[in-house]
Amino acid sequence: MGKLIVKKVTGLSWKAKVSLVLIFVLAFSVFMCNTTEYLLAFQ
């Protein structure tokens, strides 16, 4: 599975790679913000 993803990513242009990374970072930051708010609500 990992090798297949690596092959697809290496075939992409740099713009596609940048957008993939940005989407991942955005999703991760949203998840982290929601988690911290959730934890703070319980304190």
C-alpha atoms as a PDB file:
ATOM      1  CA  MET A   1       0.000   0.000   0.000  1.00  0.00           C
ATOM      2  CA  GLY A   2       2.763   2.447   0.931  1.00  0.00           C
ATOM      3  CA  LYS A   3       4.753   1.720  -2.225  1.00  0.00           C
ATOM      4  CA  LEU A   4       1.685   2.407  -4.357  1.00  0.00           C
ATOM      5  CA  ILE A   5       1.180   5.798  -2.692  1.00  0.00           C
ATOM      6  CA  VAL A   6       4.878   6.643  -3.111  1.00  0.00           C
ATOM      7  CA  LYS A   7       4.695   5.795  -6.827  1.00  0.00           C
ATOM      8  CA  LYS A   8       1.663   8.042  -7.273  1.00  0.00           C
ATOM      9  CA  VAL A   9       3.241  10.905  -5.324  1.00  0.00           C
ATOM     10  CA  THR A  10       6.502  10.748  -7.292  1.00  0.00           C
ATOM     11  CA  GLY A  11       4.468  10.913 -10.497  1.00  0.00           C
ATOM     12  CA  LEU A  12       2.747  14.121  -9.378  1.00  0.00           C
ATOM     13  CA  SER A  13       3.917  17.634 -10.140  1.00  0.00           C
ATOM     14  CA  TRP A  14       5.330  19.855  -7.395  1.00  0.00           C
ATOM     15  CA  LYS A  15       2.087  21.837  -7.239  1.00  0.00           C
ATOM     16  CA  ALA A  16       0.135  18.672  -6.517  1.00  0.00           C
ATOM     17  CA  LYS A  17       2.641  17.695  -3.807  1.00  0.00           C
ATOM     18  CA  VAL A  18       2.375  21.133  -2.179  1.00  0.00           C
ATOM     19  CA  SER A  19      -1.428  21.029  -2.220  1.00  0.00           C
ATOM     20  CA  LEU A  20      -1.410  17.514  -0.720  1.00  0.00           C
ATOM     21  CA  VAL A  21       0.870  18.664   2.113  1.00  0.00           C
ATOM     22  CA  LEU A  22      -1.251  21.791   2.716  1.00  0.00           C
ATOM     23  CA  ILE A  23      -4.457  19.751   2.872  1.00  0.00           C
ATOM     24  CA  PHE A  24      -2.828  17.320   5.315  1.00  0.00           C
ATOM     25  CA  VAL A  25      -1.518  20.128   7.538  1.00  0.00           C
ATOM     26  CA  LEU A  26      -4.886  21.896   7.472  1.00  0.00           C
ATOM     27  CA  ALA A  27      -6.767  18.739   8.451  1.00  0.00           C
ATOM     28  CA  PHE A  28      -4.224  17.974  11.183  1.00  0.00           C
ATOM     29  CA  SER A  29      -4.398  21.489  12.657  1.00  0.00           C
ATOM     30  CA  VAL A  30      -8.203  21.444  12.657  1.00  0.00           C
ATOM     31  CA  PHE A  31      -8.120  18.088  14.429  1.00  0.00           C
ATOM     32  CA  MET A  32      -5.635  19.389  17.021  1.00  0.00           C
ATOM     33  CA  CYS A  33      -7.678  22.556  17.668  1.00  0.00           C
ATOM     34  CA  ASN A  34     -10.864  20.547  18.150  1.00  0.00           C
ATOM     35  CA  THR A  35      -9.107  18.172  20.518  1.00  0.00           C
ATOM     36  CA  THR A  36      -7.642  20.951  22.687  1.00  0.00           C
ATOM     37  CA  GLU A  37     -11.003  22.737  22.882  1.00  0.00           C
ATOM     38  CA  TYR A  38     -12.650  19.447  23.815  1.00  0.00           C
ATOM     39  CA  LEU A  39     -10.088  18.801  26.561  1.00  0.00           C
ATOM     40  CA  LEU A  40     -10.310  22.365  27.891  1.00  0.00           C
ATOM     41  CA  ALA A  41     -14.099  22.092  28.108  1.00  0.00           C
ATOM     42  CA  PHE A  42     -13.742  19.212  30.564  1.00  0.00           C
ATOM     43  CA  GLN A  43     -11.400  21.046  32.943  1.00  0.00           C
END
